[in-house]
N, C-alpha and C. Protein backbone atom coordinates (compact mmCIF):
# COMPACT_ATOMS: atom_id res chain seq x y z
N MET A 1 59.49 3.74 79.23
CA MET A 1 58.05 3.40 80.52
C MET A 1 57.54 4.88 81.09
N VAL A 2 58.69 5.61 81.59
CA VAL A 2 58.78 7.00 82.53
C VAL A 2 58.72 8.25 81.58
N ASN A 3 59.65 7.91 80.50
CA ASN A 3 59.30 8.53 79.46
C ASN A 3 57.72 8.58 78.66
N ASN A 4 57.29 7.48 78.46
CA ASN A 4 55.81 7.68 77.72
C ASN A 4 54.83 7.99 79.26
N PHE A 5 55.20 7.67 80.65
CA PHE A 5 54.51 8.36 81.79
C PHE A 5 54.34 10.01 81.40
N ILE A 6 55.84 10.57 81.12
CA ILE A 6 56.13 12.03 81.16
C ILE A 6 55.35 12.94 80.12
N ASN A 7 55.43 12.48 78.80
CA ASN A 7 54.70 12.39 77.63
C ASN A 7 52.90 12.65 77.64
N ARG A 8 52.13 11.53 78.51
CA ARG A 8 50.96 11.96 78.98
C ARG A 8 50.76 12.46 79.98
N TRP A 9 51.46 12.80 80.66
CA TRP A 9 50.99 13.28 82.75
C TRP A 9 51.12 15.13 81.97
N ASN A 10 52.21 15.70 80.91
CA ASN A 10 51.62 16.84 80.15
C ASN A 10 51.21 16.93 79.45
N SER A 11 50.78 18.34 79.21
CA SER A 11 49.39 18.48 77.86
C SER A 11 50.09 18.36 76.53
N LYS A 12 49.10 17.46 75.74
CA LYS A 12 49.46 17.37 74.61
C LYS A 12 49.83 18.18 73.61
N GLU A 13 50.47 18.07 72.69
CA GLU A 13 51.33 19.42 71.75
C GLU A 13 50.19 19.49 70.55
N LYS A 14 50.15 20.22 70.07
CA LYS A 14 48.60 20.39 68.94
C LYS A 14 49.63 20.46 67.52
N ASP A 15 49.20 19.00 66.84
CA ASP A 15 50.15 18.77 65.53
C ASP A 15 48.65 19.48 64.24
N SER A 16 49.47 19.79 63.86
CA SER A 16 48.39 20.29 62.66
C SER A 16 48.08 19.46 61.30
N SER A 17 49.05 18.64 61.24
CA SER A 17 48.55 17.20 60.05
C SER A 17 46.96 16.69 60.66
N ILE A 18 46.47 16.46 59.39
CA ILE A 18 45.32 15.63 59.04
C ILE A 18 45.60 13.89 59.66
N LEU A 19 46.45 13.57 59.04
CA LEU A 19 46.82 12.67 59.23
C LEU A 19 47.25 12.43 61.22
N SER A 20 47.58 12.82 61.83
CA SER A 20 47.69 12.70 63.22
C SER A 20 46.50 13.34 64.09
N LYS A 21 45.53 14.29 63.27
CA LYS A 21 44.16 14.54 64.05
C LYS A 21 43.10 12.94 63.60
N ILE A 22 43.72 12.62 62.56
CA ILE A 22 42.53 11.11 62.73
C ILE A 22 43.29 10.49 63.75
N LYS A 23 44.78 9.99 63.58
CA LYS A 23 45.30 8.84 64.59
C LYS A 23 44.97 9.33 66.10
N ASP A 24 44.76 9.98 66.05
CA ASP A 24 44.22 10.60 67.77
C ASP A 24 43.23 11.04 67.99
N SER A 25 42.08 11.11 67.17
CA SER A 25 40.63 10.80 67.15
C SER A 25 40.12 10.51 69.14
N GLY A 26 40.58 9.08 68.68
CA GLY A 26 40.03 8.43 70.23
C GLY A 26 40.88 9.05 71.40
N LYS A 27 41.64 9.33 71.37
CA LYS A 27 42.29 10.00 72.82
C LYS A 27 41.97 10.70 72.92
N PRO A 28 42.26 10.88 74.50
CA PRO A 28 41.99 12.59 74.76
C PRO A 28 42.46 13.12 74.46
N SER A 29 41.76 14.98 74.61
CA SER A 29 43.00 15.80 74.39
C SER A 29 43.86 16.41 75.20
N GLN A 30 43.72 16.11 76.51
CA GLN A 30 44.39 17.07 77.75
C GLN A 30 45.09 15.61 77.74
N GLY A 31 46.64 16.55 78.27
CA GLY A 31 47.37 15.44 79.52
C GLY A 31 46.28 14.95 80.69
N LEU A 32 47.27 13.90 81.24
CA LEU A 32 46.94 13.05 82.53
C LEU A 32 45.98 14.20 83.72
N LYS A 33 47.45 15.22 83.86
CA LYS A 33 47.67 16.34 85.33
C LYS A 33 46.37 17.54 84.62
N GLN A 34 45.81 17.55 83.51
CA GLN A 34 44.69 17.87 83.36
C GLN A 34 43.48 17.64 83.27
N GLN A 35 43.69 16.27 83.19
CA GLN A 35 41.81 15.60 83.19
C GLN A 35 42.15 15.44 84.65
N ILE A 36 43.13 14.99 85.59
CA ILE A 36 43.14 15.13 86.86
C ILE A 36 42.51 16.12 87.37
N VAL A 37 43.16 17.86 87.01
CA VAL A 37 42.37 18.57 87.35
C VAL A 37 40.96 18.73 87.79
N THR A 38 40.21 18.93 85.85
CA THR A 38 39.20 18.80 85.74
C THR A 38 38.15 17.60 86.45
N VAL A 39 38.93 16.96 87.02
CA VAL A 39 37.68 15.27 87.70
C VAL A 39 37.81 16.44 88.43
N ILE A 40 38.83 16.62 89.79
CA ILE A 40 38.82 17.24 91.04
C ILE A 40 37.80 18.20 90.78
N GLN A 41 37.79 19.41 89.87
CA GLN A 41 37.08 20.79 89.62
C GLN A 41 35.45 19.92 89.88
N ARG A 42 35.12 19.42 88.73
CA ARG A 42 33.83 18.72 88.93
C ARG A 42 33.28 18.01 90.33
N ILE A 43 34.55 17.26 90.89
CA ILE A 43 34.15 16.67 91.99
C ILE A 43 33.46 17.69 92.73
N ASN A 44 34.69 19.37 93.56
CA ASN A 44 34.42 19.83 94.33
C ASN A 44 33.00 20.38 93.99
N GLY A 45 32.14 20.69 92.87
CA GLY A 45 31.25 21.45 92.11
C GLY A 45 30.11 20.09 92.91
N GLN A 46 30.17 19.27 92.51
CA GLN A 46 29.28 18.03 93.67
C GLN A 46 29.09 18.17 95.01
N LYS A 47 30.08 18.50 95.78
CA LYS A 47 30.41 18.21 96.56
C LYS A 47 29.77 19.62 97.40
N ASN A 48 29.80 20.87 96.86
CA ASN A 48 28.95 21.61 97.04
C ASN A 48 27.80 21.97 96.62
N LYS A 49 27.35 21.23 95.66
CA LYS A 49 25.94 20.76 95.57
C LYS A 49 25.12 19.46 96.72
N LEU A 50 25.57 18.88 96.93
CA LEU A 50 25.03 17.66 97.54
C LEU A 50 25.40 18.67 99.56
N ASN A 51 26.43 19.68 99.36
CA ASN A 51 26.45 20.31 101.47
C ASN A 51 25.41 21.38 100.90
N ASN A 52 24.37 21.96 99.81
CA ASN A 52 23.60 22.86 99.73
C ASN A 52 22.76 21.99 99.64
N ALA A 53 21.76 20.51 99.61
CA ALA A 53 21.03 20.05 99.51
C ALA A 53 21.28 19.10 101.15
N SER A 54 21.82 19.41 101.51
CA SER A 54 22.00 18.49 102.93
C SER A 54 21.59 20.21 103.92
N GLN A 55 22.39 20.92 103.45
CA GLN A 55 21.47 21.92 104.47
C GLN A 55 20.03 22.49 104.71
N ARG A 56 19.23 22.14 103.30
CA ARG A 56 18.24 21.82 102.81
C ARG A 56 17.44 21.14 103.90
N PHE A 57 17.75 19.78 103.94
CA PHE A 57 16.94 18.81 104.58
C PHE A 57 17.56 18.89 105.77
N GLU A 58 18.46 19.67 106.61
CA GLU A 58 18.88 19.95 108.22
C GLU A 58 17.50 20.90 108.30
N GLN A 59 17.42 22.01 107.69
CA GLN A 59 16.14 23.42 108.18
C GLN A 59 14.89 22.11 108.02
N ARG A 60 14.33 21.47 106.58
CA ARG A 60 13.19 21.10 106.74
C ARG A 60 13.22 19.85 107.99
N ASP A 61 14.65 18.83 108.51
CA ASP A 61 14.35 18.46 109.82
C ASP A 61 13.44 18.84 111.37
N LEU A 62 14.52 20.69 111.10
CA LEU A 62 14.25 21.22 112.49
C LEU A 62 12.70 21.54 112.41
N THR A 63 12.40 21.61 110.87
CA THR A 63 10.42 22.30 110.91
C THR A 63 9.85 21.73 111.69
N LEU A 64 10.10 20.49 110.95
CA LEU A 64 9.12 19.08 111.28
C LEU A 64 9.43 18.27 113.13
N PHE A 65 10.52 19.05 113.40
CA PHE A 65 10.96 18.73 114.35
C PHE A 65 10.07 19.24 115.66
N LYS A 66 10.00 20.59 115.34
CA LYS A 66 9.05 21.21 116.08
C LYS A 66 7.55 21.21 116.18
N ARG A 67 7.21 20.67 114.81
CA ARG A 67 6.31 21.04 114.43
C ARG A 67 5.45 19.28 115.08
N ILE A 68 6.89 18.16 115.65
CA ILE A 68 6.47 17.23 116.00
C ILE A 68 5.65 17.50 117.45
N THR A 69 6.92 18.07 118.16
CA THR A 69 6.75 18.79 119.87
C THR A 69 5.63 19.80 119.77
N LYS A 70 5.56 20.25 118.87
CA LYS A 70 3.94 21.21 118.90
C LYS A 70 2.94 20.18 119.00
N ALA A 71 2.52 19.93 118.21
CA ALA A 71 1.76 17.95 117.73
C ALA A 71 1.77 17.35 119.56
N LEU A 72 2.96 17.19 119.76
CA LEU A 72 2.68 15.99 121.00
C LEU A 72 2.11 16.98 122.47
N THR A 73 2.79 17.80 122.36
CA THR A 73 2.10 18.73 123.28
C THR A 73 0.72 19.21 123.49
N GLU A 74 0.06 19.33 122.63
CA GLU A 74 -1.59 19.70 122.11
C GLU A 74 -1.79 18.01 122.06
N ARG A 75 -1.55 16.94 122.18
CA ARG A 75 -2.02 16.16 122.41
C ARG A 75 -2.14 15.00 120.97
N ASP A 76 -1.94 15.56 119.50
CA ASP A 76 -2.10 15.29 118.43
C ASP A 76 -1.36 14.29 118.29
N THR A 77 -1.51 13.10 118.53
CA THR A 77 -0.50 12.09 118.53
C THR A 77 -0.63 11.39 117.39
N MET A 78 -1.73 11.21 116.47
CA MET A 78 -1.73 11.21 114.70
C MET A 78 -1.09 11.73 113.79
N ARG A 79 -1.39 13.12 113.98
CA ARG A 79 -0.30 14.33 113.25
C ARG A 79 0.77 14.19 113.91
N ALA A 80 1.80 13.70 114.62
CA ALA A 80 2.81 13.38 115.61
C ALA A 80 3.40 12.22 114.82
N ASN A 81 2.73 11.05 114.70
CA ASN A 81 3.10 10.20 114.04
C ASN A 81 3.38 10.61 112.38
N VAL A 82 2.26 11.09 111.77
CA VAL A 82 2.79 11.10 110.58
C VAL A 82 4.15 11.71 110.26
N LEU A 83 4.15 13.30 111.32
CA LEU A 83 5.59 13.65 110.81
C LEU A 83 6.70 13.30 111.41
N ALA A 84 6.24 12.12 112.52
CA ALA A 84 7.58 11.63 112.81
C ALA A 84 8.31 10.52 111.31
N SER A 85 7.17 9.69 111.28
CA SER A 85 7.44 8.85 109.71
C SER A 85 8.09 9.60 108.59
N GLU A 86 7.52 10.85 108.47
CA GLU A 86 8.78 11.71 107.54
C GLU A 86 10.06 12.50 107.86
N LEU A 87 10.04 13.00 109.35
CA LEU A 87 10.95 13.24 109.35
C LEU A 87 12.02 11.99 109.88
N ALA A 88 11.74 10.47 109.62
CA ALA A 88 12.51 9.40 110.12
C ALA A 88 13.39 9.53 108.43
N GLU A 89 12.64 9.57 107.47
CA GLU A 89 12.74 9.64 106.00
C GLU A 89 13.45 10.91 105.51
N ILE A 90 13.63 11.82 105.94
CA ILE A 90 13.89 12.49 105.78
C ILE A 90 15.54 12.75 106.27
N ARG A 91 15.54 11.68 107.81
CA ARG A 91 16.86 11.52 108.26
C ARG A 91 17.73 10.34 107.38
N LYS A 92 17.29 9.73 107.16
CA LYS A 92 17.88 8.71 105.97
C LYS A 92 18.36 9.53 105.30
N VAL A 93 17.98 10.33 104.28
CA VAL A 93 18.64 10.73 102.88
C VAL A 93 19.53 11.88 103.45
N GLU A 94 19.21 12.59 104.34
CA GLU A 94 20.26 13.14 105.12
C GLU A 94 21.74 12.15 105.27
N LYS A 95 21.70 11.05 105.72
CA LYS A 95 22.52 10.30 105.89
C LYS A 95 23.05 9.88 105.05
N MET A 96 22.43 9.84 104.02
CA MET A 96 22.51 8.96 102.60
C MET A 96 23.38 10.40 102.01
N LEU A 97 22.92 11.65 102.26
CA LEU A 97 23.99 12.39 101.41
C LEU A 97 25.14 13.10 102.04
N MET A 98 25.55 12.05 103.44
CA MET A 98 26.67 12.47 103.88
C MET A 98 27.75 11.21 103.81
N HIS A 99 27.45 10.48 103.42
CA HIS A 99 27.88 9.30 102.68
C HIS A 99 28.17 9.39 101.86
N ALA A 100 27.86 10.15 100.76
CA ALA A 100 27.82 10.25 99.25
C ALA A 100 29.03 11.34 99.37
N GLY A 101 28.81 12.67 100.26
CA GLY A 101 29.87 13.70 100.60
C GLY A 101 31.16 13.09 101.03
N LEU A 102 30.93 12.31 102.04
CA LEU A 102 32.32 11.84 102.55
C LEU A 102 33.21 10.81 100.88
N ALA A 103 32.45 9.72 100.34
CA ALA A 103 32.93 9.39 99.20
C ALA A 103 33.15 10.01 98.27
N LEU A 104 33.23 11.32 97.88
CA LEU A 104 33.44 12.02 96.73
C LEU A 104 34.54 13.07 98.09
N GLU A 105 34.50 13.41 98.80
CA GLU A 105 36.14 13.53 99.58
C GLU A 105 36.85 13.14 99.50
N SER A 106 36.41 11.24 99.43
CA SER A 106 38.05 10.45 99.55
C SER A 106 37.77 10.55 98.15
N VAL A 107 37.54 10.64 97.19
CA VAL A 107 38.19 10.46 95.91
C VAL A 107 38.57 11.77 95.39
N SER A 108 38.43 12.73 95.82
CA SER A 108 38.83 13.92 95.72
C SER A 108 40.44 14.26 96.27
N ILE A 109 40.22 13.34 97.38
CA ILE A 109 42.12 13.61 98.02
C ILE A 109 42.60 12.32 97.55
N ARG A 110 42.37 11.20 96.73
CA ARG A 110 43.17 10.08 96.20
C ARG A 110 43.57 11.16 94.53
N LEU A 111 42.60 11.74 94.06
CA LEU A 111 43.15 12.42 92.62
C LEU A 111 44.38 13.21 93.37
N LYS A 112 44.22 13.79 94.37
CA LYS A 112 44.93 14.86 94.70
C LYS A 112 46.41 13.97 95.01
N THR A 113 46.30 13.39 95.26
CA THR A 113 47.47 12.23 95.23
C THR A 113 48.07 12.03 94.30
N VAL A 114 47.32 11.31 93.60
CA VAL A 114 48.12 11.06 92.48
C VAL A 114 48.46 12.27 91.43
N SER A 115 48.06 12.80 91.64
CA SER A 115 48.54 14.50 91.20
C SER A 115 49.56 14.86 91.12
N GLU A 116 49.75 14.50 92.90
CA GLU A 116 51.25 15.04 93.67
C GLU A 116 52.42 14.19 92.78
N LEU A 117 51.52 12.26 92.83
CA LEU A 117 53.13 11.45 92.68
C LEU A 117 53.22 11.71 91.50
N GLY A 118 52.66 12.16 90.13
CA GLY A 118 52.75 12.32 88.83
C GLY A 118 54.18 13.40 88.32
N GLU A 119 53.69 14.36 89.54
CA GLU A 119 54.43 15.64 89.41
C GLU A 119 56.12 14.94 90.47
N VAL A 120 55.71 14.57 91.07
CA VAL A 120 57.10 13.76 91.70
C VAL A 120 57.85 12.97 90.52
N MET A 121 56.53 12.24 90.11
CA MET A 121 57.28 11.46 88.77
C MET A 121 58.45 12.15 87.66
N THR A 122 57.78 13.17 87.07
CA THR A 122 58.34 13.91 85.87
C THR A 122 58.99 14.73 86.87
N VAL A 123 59.62 15.12 87.82
CA VAL A 123 60.44 15.31 88.40
C VAL A 123 61.60 14.69 88.04
N LEU A 124 62.00 13.50 88.61
CA LEU A 124 62.58 12.49 89.25
C LEU A 124 62.92 11.49 88.20
N ALA A 125 61.99 11.54 87.02
CA ALA A 125 62.58 10.98 85.86
C ALA A 125 64.18 11.36 85.21
N PRO A 126 64.40 12.56 85.35
CA PRO A 126 65.73 12.65 84.60
C PRO A 126 66.43 12.48 85.57
N ALA A 127 66.46 12.18 86.94
CA ALA A 127 67.33 11.65 88.28
C ALA A 127 67.75 10.13 87.42
N ALA A 128 66.41 9.82 87.50
CA ALA A 128 67.18 8.01 86.98
C ALA A 128 67.76 7.63 85.80
N GLY A 129 67.16 8.69 84.72
CA GLY A 129 67.92 8.44 83.64
C GLY A 129 69.38 8.41 83.78
N VAL A 130 69.82 10.22 84.35
CA VAL A 130 70.95 10.25 84.99
C VAL A 130 72.35 9.17 85.56
N LEU A 131 71.10 8.64 87.02
CA LEU A 131 71.67 7.21 87.41
C LEU A 131 71.89 5.92 86.47
N ASN A 132 71.17 5.97 85.56
CA ASN A 132 71.26 4.53 84.73
C ASN A 132 72.69 4.42 83.87
N SER A 133 73.01 5.87 83.35
CA SER A 133 73.78 6.26 82.51
C SER A 133 75.29 6.43 83.42
N ILE A 134 75.10 6.77 84.54
CA ILE A 134 76.18 6.56 85.41
C ILE A 134 76.74 5.21 85.66
N ARG A 135 75.40 4.55 86.04
CA ARG A 135 75.95 2.73 86.30
C ARG A 135 76.53 2.02 85.45
N GLY A 136 75.62 2.41 84.19
CA GLY A 136 76.63 1.94 82.43
C GLY A 136 78.36 2.36 82.76
N GLY A 137 78.87 3.49 83.14
CA GLY A 137 80.28 3.71 83.23
C GLY A 137 80.97 3.33 84.53
N MET A 138 80.03 3.20 85.43
CA MET A 138 80.90 1.96 86.44
C MET A 138 80.64 1.12 87.08
N SER A 139 79.59 0.15 86.40
CA SER A 139 80.04 -0.99 86.39
C SER A 139 81.10 -1.51 85.94
N GLY A 140 81.87 -0.62 84.60
CA GLY A 140 83.44 -1.62 84.47
C GLY A 140 84.28 -1.22 84.83
N ILE A 141 84.02 0.11 85.62
CA ILE A 141 85.13 -0.08 86.31
C ILE A 141 85.57 -0.84 87.89
N PHE A 142 83.95 -0.27 88.88
CA PHE A 142 83.96 -0.49 89.80
C PHE A 142 82.51 -1.52 90.06
N PRO A 143 82.42 -2.33 89.86
CA PRO A 143 81.25 -3.44 89.39
C PRO A 143 80.71 -3.35 91.22
N GLU A 144 80.75 -3.49 92.39
CA GLU A 144 79.90 -3.07 93.17
C GLU A 144 79.33 -1.92 93.17
N ALA A 145 79.66 -0.59 93.15
CA ALA A 145 79.24 0.20 92.78
C ALA A 145 78.34 0.06 92.19
N GLY A 146 78.57 -0.08 90.52
CA GLY A 146 77.55 -0.46 89.21
C GLY A 146 75.89 -0.98 90.15
N ARG A 147 75.88 -2.16 90.84
CA ARG A 147 75.53 -3.00 91.50
C ARG A 147 74.42 -2.01 93.12
N GLU A 148 75.35 -1.28 93.42
CA GLU A 148 74.75 -0.10 94.43
C GLU A 148 73.70 0.65 93.61
N ILE A 149 73.93 1.54 92.11
CA ILE A 149 73.54 2.56 92.09
C ILE A 149 71.93 1.68 91.11
N GLU A 150 72.20 0.27 90.53
CA GLU A 150 71.24 -0.17 90.07
C GLU A 150 70.47 -0.21 90.97
N ASN A 151 70.52 -0.75 92.25
CA ASN A 151 69.48 -1.12 93.82
C ASN A 151 68.88 0.47 94.00
N ILE A 152 69.47 1.44 94.00
CA ILE A 152 69.25 2.87 93.82
C ILE A 152 68.07 3.16 93.00
N GLY A 153 68.20 3.25 91.44
CA GLY A 153 67.58 3.23 90.64
C GLY A 153 66.83 2.32 89.84
């Protein structure tokens, strides 16, 4: 199971045989690590777009607020009401953009955690194999040590 994970984690080797190309045509051409890195980059790009849109809405928010205060000082309540309705809608969109950005940030952090965990798994897998081979030898000589090694690995 661990070896299967390590093989899927690392980049795929390119076989040149036609049979292997047909067999692997439905499978992703990259390893899991590279797929996660690609997804994180795409999420960061989307976060940047959301931030830009949010800044544009904030500018529009400020402009409308100034126009509302100007209309109220001029006692133009109808114009102030129309502008206030538009300002309320803009603030709803700003809130939605903020929540979407936070959701993308959460996904990005989770994927980075998974990526780091995958790296740890690939490093520790050989050590687990060594522990299992030692356990087999130790069980015959000293059964208590074999059970303890089994608990570790």
